[in-house]
Amino acid sequence: AQLVESGGGSVQAGDSLRLSCAASGRTFSAYAMGWFRQRPGQEREFVAIVGWSGTSTYYSDSVKGRFIISRDNTKNTMYLQMNSLKPEDTAVYYCAGETGEAGGVVVETPEGQAVFVSWGQGTQVTVSS
């Protein structure tokens, strides 16, 4: 199983970027997928989750109203549309997928627990003021 992120880059505050996460080697269409980020000097944190069908989404408070997570199961791809970017959004962004296995990073959502065990290598997003 492989998850590969793309779309990162350097932008100005207020700009937009769209990240993509392409899945291969196994199907993640039956499971939730999510985006996490690691800001400089900080631990990895949850950003957004999308349910297996794409109709259910959940966001951290820091990105709610600015970021939109979506997925296209026909293309085995997940997206993160990031709008109104701020310097504090500067981070390495990781995509992650559930596999039905235990032992991964757990995120509590209003619809239950999501457990992420597959990870991409990350893509850098830098936002300048």
Foldseek 3Di string as FASTA:
>chain_A
DAKAKDWADEEAQQAKTKMKIADDDDAQLQAKKFKWWAAPPGDIGGAKIAGSVFPDIDGDPVQPPFWDWGADRVRRMIMIIGGRDDQRVWTWMKMFGADPDDDADWDQDPVGIHGTDHIHPTDTHGYHD
